[in-house]
């Protein structure tokens, strides 16, 4: 399937590295000439106040039949995008750790959140990723995967904050942080 990736940061670059071996694919940085007819358009842009309008513009020019949003976005963003472009939109959060996003994408199950999509289309999107060696699981609801990603980020931040506090406590008691 002819595909495009919008955004070529760590996420877009990792996705490109995997998918280029299986599909005809082009990538685009924000504000580059997006003229490319893609069947599947992957969104890998960071959230901003212009996120939805930027995605709508790329969809208008590229005319994809499927949009997969990999970005961390406020809950409801993928549904909002669908309502504006009238193209089946999926949300599939990236899981993994920087800087090895490619390893994370290939190692973790890639959740494919769908909303108002024909079951055969959901299966087609899952097979698209599986052909590239990415394990998938369909999730009913893009809001579910959007919230899943935001809570995962919060949990990760909490772990980091706790580790810093733990280090202070260890130092206070003269204990080795790595042994506690």
N, C-alpha and C. Protein backbone atom coordinates (compact mmCIF):
# COMPACT_ATOMS: atom_id res chain seq x y z
N UNK A 1 0.85 -1.19 0.00
CA UNK A 1 0.00 0.00 0.00
C UNK A 1 0.88 1.24 0.00
N UNK A 2 0.55 2.15 -0.83
CA UNK A 2 1.27 3.43 -0.89
C UNK A 2 0.97 4.21 0.39
N UNK A 3 2.02 4.61 1.09
CA UNK A 3 1.85 5.21 2.41
C UNK A 3 2.66 6.49 2.54
N UNK A 4 2.24 7.33 3.47
CA UNK A 4 3.01 8.53 3.79
C UNK A 4 3.13 8.65 5.31
N UNK A 5 4.20 9.29 5.73
CA UNK A 5 4.40 9.59 7.15
C UNK A 5 4.54 11.09 7.26
N UNK A 6 3.68 11.68 8.07
CA UNK A 6 3.71 13.12 8.29
C UNK A 6 4.41 13.34 9.63
N UNK A 7 5.61 13.90 9.57
CA UNK A 7 6.42 14.11 10.77
C UNK A 7 7.56 13.12 10.79
N UNK A 8 8.78 13.62 10.84
CA UNK A 8 9.93 12.73 10.77
C UNK A 8 10.87 12.93 11.96
N UNK A 9 10.26 13.00 13.15
CA UNK A 9 11.04 13.00 14.38
C UNK A 9 11.38 11.56 14.73
N UNK A 10 11.61 11.29 16.00
CA UNK A 10 11.98 9.93 16.41
C UNK A 10 10.89 8.92 16.06
N UNK A 11 9.64 9.28 16.25
CA UNK A 11 8.53 8.36 15.97
C UNK A 11 8.38 8.11 14.48
N UNK A 12 8.29 9.18 13.71
CA UNK A 12 8.14 9.04 12.26
C UNK A 12 9.32 8.31 11.62
N UNK A 13 10.53 8.63 12.08
CA UNK A 13 11.73 7.98 11.53
C UNK A 13 11.74 6.48 11.85
N UNK A 14 11.33 6.12 13.07
CA UNK A 14 11.30 4.70 13.46
C UNK A 14 10.25 3.95 12.64
N UNK A 15 9.10 4.54 12.48
CA UNK A 15 8.04 3.91 11.70
C UNK A 15 8.48 3.75 10.24
N UNK A 16 9.12 4.78 9.70
CA UNK A 16 9.62 4.74 8.33
C UNK A 16 10.64 3.61 8.17
N UNK A 17 11.56 3.49 9.14
CA UNK A 17 12.61 2.45 9.07
C UNK A 17 12.01 1.05 8.98
N UNK A 18 10.89 0.84 9.62
CA UNK A 18 10.24 -0.47 9.60
C UNK A 18 9.40 -0.66 8.33
N UNK A 19 8.58 0.33 8.02
CA UNK A 19 7.62 0.18 6.92
C UNK A 19 8.24 0.26 5.53
N UNK A 20 9.39 0.94 5.39
CA UNK A 20 9.99 1.11 4.06
C UNK A 20 10.39 -0.21 3.41
N UNK A 21 10.59 -1.24 4.22
CA UNK A 21 10.96 -2.55 3.68
C UNK A 21 9.76 -3.34 3.18
N UNK A 22 8.56 -2.81 3.39
CA UNK A 22 7.35 -3.55 3.02
C UNK A 22 6.39 -2.76 2.13
N UNK A 23 6.54 -1.44 2.12
CA UNK A 23 5.58 -0.60 1.39
C UNK A 23 6.29 0.53 0.68
N UNK A 24 5.65 1.03 -0.36
CA UNK A 24 6.10 2.27 -1.00
C UNK A 24 5.69 3.39 -0.05
N UNK A 25 6.67 4.14 0.43
CA UNK A 25 6.36 5.11 1.48
C UNK A 25 7.22 6.37 1.32
N UNK A 26 6.62 7.51 1.60
CA UNK A 26 7.30 8.80 1.60
C UNK A 26 7.07 9.46 2.95
N UNK A 27 8.01 10.29 3.38
CA UNK A 27 7.81 11.03 4.62
C UNK A 27 7.84 12.51 4.34
N UNK A 28 7.15 13.24 5.20
CA UNK A 28 7.04 14.69 5.04
C UNK A 28 7.21 15.36 6.39
N UNK A 29 8.05 16.37 6.43
CA UNK A 29 8.15 17.21 7.61
C UNK A 29 7.00 18.20 7.57
N UNK A 30 6.66 18.73 8.73
CA UNK A 30 5.61 19.75 8.77
C UNK A 30 6.04 20.90 7.86
N UNK A 31 5.09 21.40 7.11
CA UNK A 31 5.30 22.54 6.20
C UNK A 31 6.12 22.21 4.96
N UNK A 32 6.22 20.94 4.59
CA UNK A 32 6.85 20.60 3.32
C UNK A 32 5.75 20.30 2.31
N UNK A 33 6.10 20.25 1.05
CA UNK A 33 5.13 20.00 0.00
C UNK A 33 4.56 18.59 0.14
N UNK A 34 3.30 18.47 0.51
CA UNK A 34 2.74 17.15 0.79
C UNK A 34 2.11 16.44 -0.40
N UNK A 35 2.34 16.90 -1.61
CA UNK A 35 1.65 16.32 -2.76
C UNK A 35 2.16 14.90 -3.02
N UNK A 36 1.35 13.95 -2.62
CA UNK A 36 1.69 12.53 -2.73
C UNK A 36 0.41 11.78 -2.45
N UNK A 37 -0.04 10.98 -3.38
CA UNK A 37 -1.27 10.23 -3.19
C UNK A 37 -1.03 8.98 -2.36
N UNK A 38 -1.37 9.05 -1.09
CA UNK A 38 -1.15 7.92 -0.18
C UNK A 38 -2.46 7.23 0.13
N UNK A 39 -2.43 5.90 0.16
CA UNK A 39 -3.60 5.16 0.61
C UNK A 39 -3.72 5.24 2.13
N UNK A 40 -2.57 5.08 2.81
CA UNK A 40 -2.53 5.20 4.26
C UNK A 40 -1.62 6.36 4.62
N UNK A 41 -2.16 7.28 5.41
CA UNK A 41 -1.40 8.43 5.87
C UNK A 41 -1.16 8.26 7.37
N UNK A 42 0.11 8.24 7.77
CA UNK A 42 0.50 8.10 9.17
C UNK A 42 0.81 9.48 9.73
N UNK A 43 0.19 9.82 10.85
CA UNK A 43 0.45 11.10 11.49
C UNK A 43 1.39 10.86 12.67
N UNK A 44 2.54 11.52 12.64
CA UNK A 44 3.56 11.39 13.69
C UNK A 44 4.03 12.78 14.11
N UNK A 45 3.10 13.68 14.30
CA UNK A 45 3.41 15.05 14.68
C UNK A 45 3.20 15.24 16.17
N UNK A 46 3.99 16.11 16.80
CA UNK A 46 3.71 16.42 18.20
C UNK A 46 2.43 17.26 18.30
N UNK A 47 1.75 17.14 19.41
CA UNK A 47 0.52 17.92 19.62
C UNK A 47 0.85 19.41 19.64
N UNK A 48 0.00 20.19 19.04
CA UNK A 48 0.07 21.65 19.09
C UNK A 48 -1.34 22.17 18.84
N UNK A 49 -1.51 23.47 19.02
CA UNK A 49 -2.83 24.06 18.77
C UNK A 49 -3.23 23.93 17.30
N UNK A 50 -2.26 23.73 16.41
CA UNK A 50 -2.53 23.59 14.98
C UNK A 50 -2.57 22.14 14.51
N UNK A 51 -2.50 21.20 15.45
CA UNK A 51 -2.40 19.78 15.09
C UNK A 51 -3.54 19.35 14.15
N UNK A 52 -4.78 19.59 14.55
CA UNK A 52 -5.93 19.13 13.75
C UNK A 52 -5.93 19.81 12.38
N UNK A 53 -5.74 21.11 12.34
CA UNK A 53 -5.78 21.81 11.04
C UNK A 53 -4.64 21.36 10.13
N UNK A 54 -3.48 21.07 10.71
CA UNK A 54 -2.36 20.56 9.93
C UNK A 54 -2.69 19.20 9.33
N UNK A 55 -3.27 18.32 10.14
CA UNK A 55 -3.65 16.99 9.65
C UNK A 55 -4.73 17.08 8.58
N UNK A 56 -5.69 17.96 8.78
CA UNK A 56 -6.76 18.15 7.80
C UNK A 56 -6.16 18.59 6.47
N UNK A 57 -5.21 19.50 6.50
CA UNK A 57 -4.58 19.99 5.27
C UNK A 57 -3.83 18.87 4.54
N UNK A 58 -3.06 18.08 5.29
CA UNK A 58 -2.36 16.96 4.66
C UNK A 58 -3.36 15.97 4.06
N UNK A 59 -4.44 15.69 4.77
CA UNK A 59 -5.45 14.76 4.26
C UNK A 59 -6.13 15.33 3.00
N UNK A 60 -6.38 16.62 2.99
CA UNK A 60 -7.01 17.25 1.83
C UNK A 60 -6.12 17.10 0.59
N UNK A 61 -4.83 17.26 0.76
CA UNK A 61 -3.90 17.20 -0.38
C UNK A 61 -3.61 15.75 -0.77
N UNK A 62 -3.37 14.87 0.21
CA UNK A 62 -2.96 13.50 -0.11
C UNK A 62 -4.13 12.57 -0.40
N UNK A 63 -5.32 12.91 0.04
CA UNK A 63 -6.52 12.10 -0.22
C UNK A 63 -6.35 10.63 0.19
N UNK A 64 -5.91 10.34 1.41
CA UNK A 64 -5.75 8.94 1.83
C UNK A 64 -7.10 8.27 2.01
N UNK A 65 -7.09 6.95 1.97
CA UNK A 65 -8.32 6.21 2.27
C UNK A 65 -8.36 5.79 3.74
N UNK A 66 -7.19 5.87 4.41
CA UNK A 66 -7.07 5.53 5.83
C UNK A 66 -6.06 6.50 6.45
N UNK A 67 -6.36 6.96 7.67
CA UNK A 67 -5.42 7.78 8.44
C UNK A 67 -5.14 7.06 9.74
N UNK A 68 -3.84 6.92 10.07
CA UNK A 68 -3.45 6.34 11.35
C UNK A 68 -2.68 7.41 12.12
N UNK A 69 -3.24 7.80 13.25
CA UNK A 69 -2.65 8.83 14.11
C UNK A 69 -1.83 8.14 15.19
N UNK A 70 -0.51 8.35 15.17
CA UNK A 70 0.39 7.73 16.15
C UNK A 70 0.76 8.70 17.27
N UNK A 71 0.24 9.90 17.22
CA UNK A 71 0.64 10.97 18.14
C UNK A 71 -0.06 10.86 19.49
N UNK A 72 0.60 11.42 20.50
CA UNK A 72 0.00 11.56 21.83
C UNK A 72 -0.86 12.82 21.76
N UNK A 73 -2.16 12.63 21.88
CA UNK A 73 -3.11 13.73 21.67
C UNK A 73 -4.16 13.75 22.76
N UNK A 74 -4.83 14.89 22.95
CA UNK A 74 -5.95 14.93 23.90
C UNK A 74 -7.04 13.94 23.48
N UNK A 75 -7.72 13.40 24.47
CA UNK A 75 -8.79 12.43 24.22
C UNK A 75 -9.87 13.09 23.35
N UNK A 76 -10.23 12.40 22.28
CA UNK A 76 -11.24 12.88 21.35
C UNK A 76 -10.66 13.49 20.08
N UNK A 77 -9.36 13.65 19.99
CA UNK A 77 -8.73 14.29 18.83
C UNK A 77 -8.91 13.50 17.55
N UNK A 78 -8.79 12.18 17.61
CA UNK A 78 -8.90 11.37 16.39
C UNK A 78 -10.33 11.39 15.87
N UNK A 79 -11.31 11.38 16.77
CA UNK A 79 -12.71 11.50 16.34
C UNK A 79 -12.95 12.86 15.70
N UNK A 80 -12.38 13.90 16.29
CA UNK A 80 -12.52 15.25 15.74
C UNK A 80 -11.93 15.30 14.33
N UNK A 81 -10.77 14.68 14.14
CA UNK A 81 -10.16 14.64 12.82
C UNK A 81 -11.07 13.93 11.83
N UNK A 82 -11.62 12.79 12.23
CA UNK A 82 -12.53 12.04 11.35
C UNK A 82 -13.71 12.90 10.91
N UNK A 83 -14.29 13.62 11.84
CA UNK A 83 -15.47 14.44 11.53
C UNK A 83 -15.15 15.52 10.50
N UNK A 84 -13.90 15.94 10.46
CA UNK A 84 -13.51 16.99 9.52
C UNK A 84 -13.08 16.45 8.16
N UNK A 85 -12.48 15.26 8.14
CA UNK A 85 -11.96 14.73 6.86
C UNK A 85 -12.82 13.64 6.25
N UNK A 86 -13.69 13.05 7.05
CA UNK A 86 -14.59 11.97 6.57
C UNK A 86 -13.82 10.80 5.95
N UNK A 87 -12.66 10.51 6.53
CA UNK A 87 -11.82 9.38 6.13
C UNK A 87 -11.67 8.52 7.38
N UNK A 88 -11.75 7.18 7.28
CA UNK A 88 -11.56 6.36 8.47
C UNK A 88 -10.24 6.69 9.17
N UNK A 89 -10.34 7.03 10.45
CA UNK A 89 -9.19 7.43 11.25
C UNK A 89 -8.99 6.46 12.40
N UNK A 90 -7.77 6.04 12.58
CA UNK A 90 -7.38 5.13 13.65
C UNK A 90 -6.38 5.84 14.55
N UNK A 91 -6.36 5.47 15.82
CA UNK A 91 -5.32 5.98 16.73
C UNK A 91 -4.50 4.80 17.19
N UNK A 92 -3.20 4.90 17.02
CA UNK A 92 -2.30 3.80 17.37
C UNK A 92 -1.07 4.36 18.07
N UNK A 93 -1.14 4.47 19.39
CA UNK A 93 -0.04 5.11 20.11
C UNK A 93 1.26 4.32 20.00
N UNK A 94 2.34 5.07 19.98
CA UNK A 94 3.68 4.47 19.95
C UNK A 94 4.05 4.06 21.36
N UNK A 95 4.60 2.88 21.49
CA UNK A 95 5.09 2.39 22.78
C UNK A 95 6.56 2.07 22.63
N UNK A 96 7.34 2.43 23.61
CA UNK A 96 8.77 2.18 23.54
C UNK A 96 9.51 3.29 24.25
N UNK A 97 10.82 3.20 24.22
CA UNK A 97 11.65 4.18 24.89
C UNK A 97 12.59 4.85 23.91
N UNK A 98 12.76 6.14 24.11
CA UNK A 98 13.73 6.88 23.32
C UNK A 98 15.12 6.45 23.77
N UNK A 99 16.09 6.32 22.94
CA UNK A 99 16.08 6.63 21.52
C UNK A 99 15.77 5.43 20.62
N UNK A 100 15.51 4.25 21.18
CA UNK A 100 15.27 3.05 20.34
C UNK A 100 13.79 2.83 20.08
N UNK A 101 13.17 3.76 19.39
CA UNK A 101 11.74 3.64 19.11
C UNK A 101 11.45 2.49 18.15
N UNK A 102 12.38 2.22 17.23
CA UNK A 102 12.18 1.11 16.29
C UNK A 102 12.05 -0.20 17.07
N UNK A 103 12.94 -0.43 18.02
CA UNK A 103 12.87 -1.64 18.85
C UNK A 103 11.57 -1.72 19.62
N UNK A 104 11.11 -0.59 20.15
CA UNK A 104 9.85 -0.56 20.89
C UNK A 104 8.66 -0.90 20.01
N UNK A 105 8.63 -0.34 18.83
CA UNK A 105 7.52 -0.61 17.91
C UNK A 105 7.47 -2.09 17.56
N UNK A 106 8.63 -2.69 17.35
CA UNK A 106 8.67 -4.11 16.99
C UNK A 106 8.47 -5.03 18.20
N UNK A 107 8.79 -4.56 19.39
CA UNK A 107 8.71 -5.39 20.58
C UNK A 107 7.32 -5.39 21.23
N UNK A 108 6.71 -4.22 21.35
CA UNK A 108 5.42 -4.10 22.03
C UNK A 108 4.26 -4.31 21.07
N UNK A 109 3.14 -4.74 21.61
CA UNK A 109 1.92 -4.85 20.81
C UNK A 109 1.50 -3.43 20.43
N UNK A 110 1.15 -3.24 19.18
CA UNK A 110 0.69 -1.94 18.69
C UNK A 110 -0.83 -1.94 18.72
N UNK A 111 -1.38 -1.16 19.61
CA UNK A 111 -2.84 -1.06 19.73
C UNK A 111 -3.38 -0.21 18.59
N UNK A 112 -4.44 -0.69 17.98
CA UNK A 112 -5.08 0.00 16.87
C UNK A 112 -6.48 0.39 17.32
N UNK A 113 -6.63 1.64 17.75
CA UNK A 113 -7.94 2.12 18.18
C UNK A 113 -8.76 2.52 16.97
N UNK A 114 -9.99 2.07 16.93
CA UNK A 114 -10.85 2.40 15.80
C UNK A 114 -12.18 2.97 16.30
N UNK A 115 -12.82 3.71 15.44
CA UNK A 115 -14.10 4.33 15.76
C UNK A 115 -14.90 4.40 14.48
N UNK A 116 -16.06 3.79 14.50
CA UNK A 116 -16.95 3.79 13.33
C UNK A 116 -16.28 3.24 12.07
N UNK A 117 -15.48 2.22 12.23
CA UNK A 117 -14.80 1.62 11.07
C UNK A 117 -15.39 0.25 10.79
N UNK A 118 -15.49 -0.06 9.53
CA UNK A 118 -15.95 -1.37 9.10
C UNK A 118 -14.97 -2.42 9.64
N UNK A 119 -15.47 -3.54 10.20
CA UNK A 119 -14.57 -4.56 10.74
C UNK A 119 -13.51 -5.05 9.74
N UNK A 120 -13.85 -5.12 8.47
CA UNK A 120 -12.86 -5.57 7.48
C UNK A 120 -11.75 -4.54 7.32
N UNK A 121 -12.07 -3.25 7.51
CA UNK A 121 -11.06 -2.21 7.42
C UNK A 121 -10.12 -2.26 8.64
N UNK A 122 -10.70 -2.53 9.80
CA UNK A 122 -9.89 -2.69 11.02
C UNK A 122 -8.90 -3.84 10.80
N UNK A 123 -9.38 -4.94 10.26
CA UNK A 123 -8.52 -6.10 9.98
C UNK A 123 -7.44 -5.74 8.97
N UNK A 124 -7.80 -4.96 7.96
CA UNK A 124 -6.83 -4.54 6.94
C UNK A 124 -5.72 -3.70 7.57
N UNK A 125 -6.06 -2.80 8.47
CA UNK A 125 -5.04 -1.96 9.12
C UNK A 125 -4.13 -2.83 10.00
N UNK A 126 -4.72 -3.76 10.74
CA UNK A 126 -3.91 -4.67 11.56
C UNK A 126 -2.97 -5.49 10.67
N UNK A 127 -3.46 -6.03 9.57
CA UNK A 127 -2.62 -6.82 8.67
C UNK A 127 -1.51 -5.98 8.05
N UNK A 128 -1.79 -4.73 7.78
CA UNK A 128 -0.80 -3.81 7.24
C UNK A 128 0.43 -3.76 8.15
N UNK A 129 0.19 -3.58 9.45
CA UNK A 129 1.30 -3.52 10.41
C UNK A 129 1.93 -4.90 10.62
N UNK A 130 1.11 -5.93 10.67
CA UNK A 130 1.63 -7.28 10.91
C UNK A 130 2.54 -7.74 9.77
N UNK A 131 2.24 -7.33 8.55
CA UNK A 131 3.10 -7.66 7.40
C UNK A 131 4.52 -7.11 7.61
N UNK A 132 4.61 -6.00 8.35
CA UNK A 132 5.91 -5.38 8.62
C UNK A 132 6.53 -5.90 9.92
N UNK A 133 5.94 -6.94 10.51
CA UNK A 133 6.50 -7.54 11.72
C UNK A 133 6.06 -6.88 13.02
N UNK A 134 5.01 -6.09 12.97
CA UNK A 134 4.51 -5.39 14.15
C UNK A 134 3.28 -6.12 14.68
N UNK A 135 3.33 -6.55 15.93
CA UNK A 135 2.19 -7.23 16.54
C UNK A 135 1.09 -6.20 16.81
N UNK A 136 -0.17 -6.57 16.57
CA UNK A 136 -1.26 -5.62 16.75
C UNK A 136 -2.39 -6.20 17.60
N UNK A 137 -3.19 -5.29 18.14
CA UNK A 137 -4.43 -5.65 18.81
C UNK A 137 -5.42 -4.53 18.56
N UNK A 138 -6.57 -4.87 17.99
CA UNK A 138 -7.61 -3.88 17.72
C UNK A 138 -8.33 -3.52 19.02
N UNK A 139 -8.55 -2.24 19.22
CA UNK A 139 -9.22 -1.72 20.41
C UNK A 139 -10.42 -0.89 19.93
N UNK A 140 -11.60 -1.21 20.46
CA UNK A 140 -12.81 -0.48 20.06
C UNK A 140 -12.83 0.87 20.75
N UNK A 141 -12.48 1.91 20.02
CA UNK A 141 -12.53 3.27 20.54
C UNK A 141 -11.21 3.98 20.48
N UNK A 142 -11.15 5.05 19.68
CA UNK A 142 -9.92 5.85 19.63
C UNK A 142 -9.73 6.62 20.94
N UNK A 143 -10.82 6.94 21.62
CA UNK A 143 -10.68 7.61 22.91
C UNK A 143 -9.96 6.69 23.90
N UNK A 144 -10.20 5.40 23.79
CA UNK A 144 -9.54 4.44 24.68
C UNK A 144 -8.04 4.45 24.48
N UNK A 145 -7.59 4.41 23.23
CA UNK A 145 -6.14 4.39 22.98
C UNK A 145 -5.50 5.75 23.27
N UNK A 146 -6.24 6.82 23.04
CA UNK A 146 -5.71 8.15 23.37
C UNK A 146 -5.51 8.28 24.87
N UNK A 147 -6.52 7.87 25.64
CA UNK A 147 -6.41 7.92 27.10
C UNK A 147 -5.34 6.97 27.60
N UNK A 148 -5.26 5.78 27.00
CA UNK A 148 -4.24 4.80 27.36
C UNK A 148 -2.85 5.42 27.27
N UNK A 149 -2.58 6.12 26.18
CA UNK A 149 -1.27 6.72 25.98
C UNK A 149 -1.00 7.83 26.99
N UNK A 150 -1.98 8.68 27.23
CA UNK A 150 -1.78 9.78 28.18
C UNK A 150 -1.55 9.25 29.60
N UNK A 151 -2.30 8.22 29.99
CA UNK A 151 -2.10 7.65 31.32
C UNK A 151 -0.75 6.94 31.42
N UNK A 152 -0.32 6.30 30.34
CA UNK A 152 0.98 5.65 30.32
C UNK A 152 2.09 6.70 30.52
N UNK A 153 1.96 7.85 29.87
CA UNK A 153 2.94 8.92 30.03
C UNK A 153 2.94 9.46 31.47
N UNK A 154 1.74 9.59 32.05
CA UNK A 154 1.65 10.04 33.45
C UNK A 154 2.29 9.03 34.40
N UNK A 155 2.03 7.76 34.16
CA UNK A 155 2.62 6.71 35.00
C UNK A 155 4.14 6.74 34.90
N UNK A 156 4.66 6.91 33.70
CA UNK A 156 6.10 6.97 33.49
C UNK A 156 6.69 8.16 34.24
N UNK A 157 6.03 9.31 34.15
CA UNK A 157 6.49 10.49 34.86
C UNK A 157 6.47 10.29 36.37
N UNK A 158 5.45 9.61 36.86
CA UNK A 158 5.36 9.31 38.29
C UNK A 158 6.51 8.41 38.72
N UNK A 159 6.85 7.43 37.90
CA UNK A 159 7.98 6.53 38.22
C UNK A 159 9.28 7.31 38.30
N UNK A 160 9.48 8.25 37.39
CA UNK A 160 10.69 9.06 37.40
C UNK A 160 10.74 9.91 38.66
N UNK A 161 9.62 10.55 38.99
CA UNK A 161 9.57 11.39 40.20
C UNK A 161 9.84 10.55 41.44
N UNK A 162 9.25 9.36 41.49
CA UNK A 162 9.47 8.49 42.65
C UNK A 162 10.94 8.06 42.73
N UNK A 163 11.55 7.74 41.61
CA UNK A 163 12.96 7.33 41.61
C UNK A 163 13.85 8.45 42.15
N UNK A 164 13.55 9.69 41.79
CA UNK A 164 14.32 10.82 42.30
C UNK A 164 14.15 10.95 43.82
N UNK A 165 12.92 10.78 44.28
CA UNK A 165 12.65 10.84 45.72
C UNK A 165 13.34 9.69 46.45
N UNK A 166 13.29 8.52 45.86
CA UNK A 166 13.95 7.34 46.44
C UNK A 166 15.45 7.59 46.58
N UNK A 167 16.04 8.22 45.57
CA UNK A 167 17.47 8.51 45.62
C UNK A 167 17.79 9.45 46.79
N UNK A 168 16.95 10.47 47.00
CA UNK A 168 17.15 11.39 48.12
C UNK A 168 17.06 10.66 49.47
N UNK A 169 16.09 9.78 49.59
CA UNK A 169 15.91 9.04 50.84
C UNK A 169 17.11 8.12 51.09
N UNK A 170 17.57 7.45 50.06
CA UNK A 170 18.75 6.58 50.19
C UNK A 170 19.97 7.38 50.63
N UNK A 171 20.14 8.53 50.00
CA UNK A 171 21.27 9.39 50.34
C UNK A 171 21.18 9.83 51.80
N UNK A 172 19.97 10.17 52.26
CA UNK A 172 19.75 10.60 53.64
C UNK A 172 20.17 9.51 54.64
N UNK A 173 19.87 8.28 54.32
CA UNK A 173 20.18 7.17 55.24
C UNK A 173 21.54 6.53 54.94
N UNK A 174 22.27 7.05 53.95
CA UNK A 174 23.57 6.51 53.62
C UNK A 174 23.49 5.14 52.96
N UNK A 175 22.40 4.89 52.25
CA UNK A 175 22.22 3.59 51.58
C UNK A 175 22.51 3.74 50.07
N UNK A 176 22.99 2.66 49.48
CA UNK A 176 23.26 2.64 48.05
C UNK A 176 21.95 2.51 47.28
N UNK A 177 21.66 3.50 46.47
CA UNK A 177 20.41 3.53 45.70
C UNK A 177 20.23 2.24 44.87
N UNK A 178 21.30 1.77 44.23
CA UNK A 178 21.22 0.59 43.36
C UNK A 178 20.96 -0.70 44.13
N UNK A 179 21.19 -0.68 45.43
CA UNK A 179 20.98 -1.90 46.24
C UNK A 179 19.66 -1.90 46.99
N UNK A 180 18.99 -0.77 47.02
CA UNK A 180 17.72 -0.69 47.77
C UNK A 180 16.58 -1.23 46.92
